[in-house]
Protein backbone atom coordinates (compact mmCIF):
# COMPACT_ATOMS: atom_id res chain seq x y z
CA MET A 1 14.93 13.23 -11.80
CA ASP A 2 10.97 13.79 -10.35
CA LYS A 3 10.43 15.30 -6.67
CA SER A 4 9.78 11.73 -5.35
CA GLU A 5 13.24 10.90 -6.52
CA GLN A 6 15.04 13.83 -5.42
CA ARG A 7 13.48 13.35 -1.93
CA ILE A 8 14.63 9.68 -1.92
CA HIS A 9 17.99 10.46 -3.19
CA ALA A 10 18.40 13.52 -0.68
CA VAL A 11 18.02 10.49 2.16
CA LEU A 12 20.31 7.65 0.56
CA GLY A 13 22.64 9.71 -2.06
CA ASP A 14 23.64 7.76 -4.92
CA ASP A 15 23.50 4.51 -3.02
CA ASN A 16 19.72 4.27 -3.79
CA GLU A 17 18.98 0.87 -5.12
CA ARG A 18 16.13 -0.98 -3.76
CA THR A 19 17.73 -3.01 -1.17
CA PRO A 20 17.00 -4.16 2.58
CA GLU A 21 19.85 -1.89 3.85
CA ASN A 22 18.56 0.78 2.10
CA ALA A 23 14.98 0.05 3.11
CA ARG A 24 16.22 -0.05 6.60
CA ARG A 25 18.07 3.34 6.30
CA TYR A 26 14.90 5.13 4.99
CA LEU A 27 12.88 3.59 7.77
CA VAL A 28 15.29 5.20 10.10
CA TYR A 29 15.02 8.65 8.41
CA LEU A 30 11.30 8.49 8.23
CA LYS A 31 10.70 7.29 12.01
CA LYS A 32 13.12 10.53 12.59
CA HIS A 33 11.36 13.13 10.58
CA LEU A 34 7.86 12.27 10.68
CA SER A 35 5.65 12.99 13.48
CA LEU A 36 2.48 10.76 14.19
CA PRO A 37 -0.31 10.54 13.74
CA LEU A 38 -0.06 11.86 10.09
CA ARG A 39 -2.12 11.61 6.72
CA VAL A 40 -1.10 9.38 4.28
CA THR A 41 -2.21 10.10 0.79
CA GLY A 42 -1.14 8.22 -2.57
CA ILE A 43 -1.37 9.83 -6.34
CA GLU A 44 -2.73 6.48 -7.70
CA ASP A 45 -5.68 4.10 -6.58
CA PHE A 46 -4.44 0.89 -4.60
CA PRO A 47 -5.46 -2.55 -6.26
CA TRP A 48 -8.15 -3.41 -3.45
CA GLU A 49 -9.30 0.36 -3.87
CA GLU A 50 -10.44 -0.28 -7.54
CA PRO A 51 -14.16 -1.66 -6.90
CA TYR A 52 -14.91 1.18 -4.89
CA VAL A 53 -13.49 4.06 -7.00
CA LEU A 54 -14.39 2.42 -10.38
CA GLY A 55 -17.74 0.90 -9.45
CA GLY A 56 -18.74 -2.61 -9.46
CA TRP A 57 -18.38 -2.93 -5.72
CA ASP A 58 -20.82 -5.65 -4.17
CA ARG A 59 -21.37 -4.57 -0.57
CA THR A 60 -21.85 -8.23 0.23
CA ALA A 61 -18.56 -9.37 -1.17
CA ARG A 62 -15.36 -9.10 0.64
CA PRO A 63 -11.54 -9.69 -0.75
CA SER A 64 -10.88 -13.37 -0.36
CA ARG A 65 -8.11 -12.44 2.10
CA TRP A 66 -10.61 -11.10 4.33
CA ASN A 67 -12.86 -14.02 4.04
CA SER A 68 -13.04 -16.41 6.71
CA ARG A 69 -12.87 -20.25 5.48
CA GLY A 70 -16.53 -21.84 5.65
CA SER A 71 -18.37 -18.26 5.52
CA GLY A 72 -20.71 -18.84 2.19
CA VAL A 73 -19.69 -15.45 1.49
CA LEU A 74 -18.97 -14.92 -2.53
CA THR A 75 -15.87 -12.61 -3.27
CA ARG A 76 -14.11 -11.39 -6.12
CA ASN A 77 -11.34 -14.22 -6.31
CA HIS A 78 -13.36 -17.49 -5.30
CA ARG A 79 -16.42 -18.66 -3.57
CA THR A 80 -16.40 -20.67 -0.37
CA THR A 81 -18.85 -23.13 0.61
């Protein structure tokens, strides 16, 4: 068991399947034990970060989910009118 699995096991015990109930239990734990504001880091890039980290990012393009309809902006996923 790696360190992240050990932390989850410490909170949820042996019943640590990915279920809505366990997500709620873990959220309750986090709300009780975290002090806000906090800095969140990750060990891998998020998919939306890849163009910035790996290159190929066009400053005029935005991911389609940020694109407003009819803006005429060319995005990675599609072109609007």
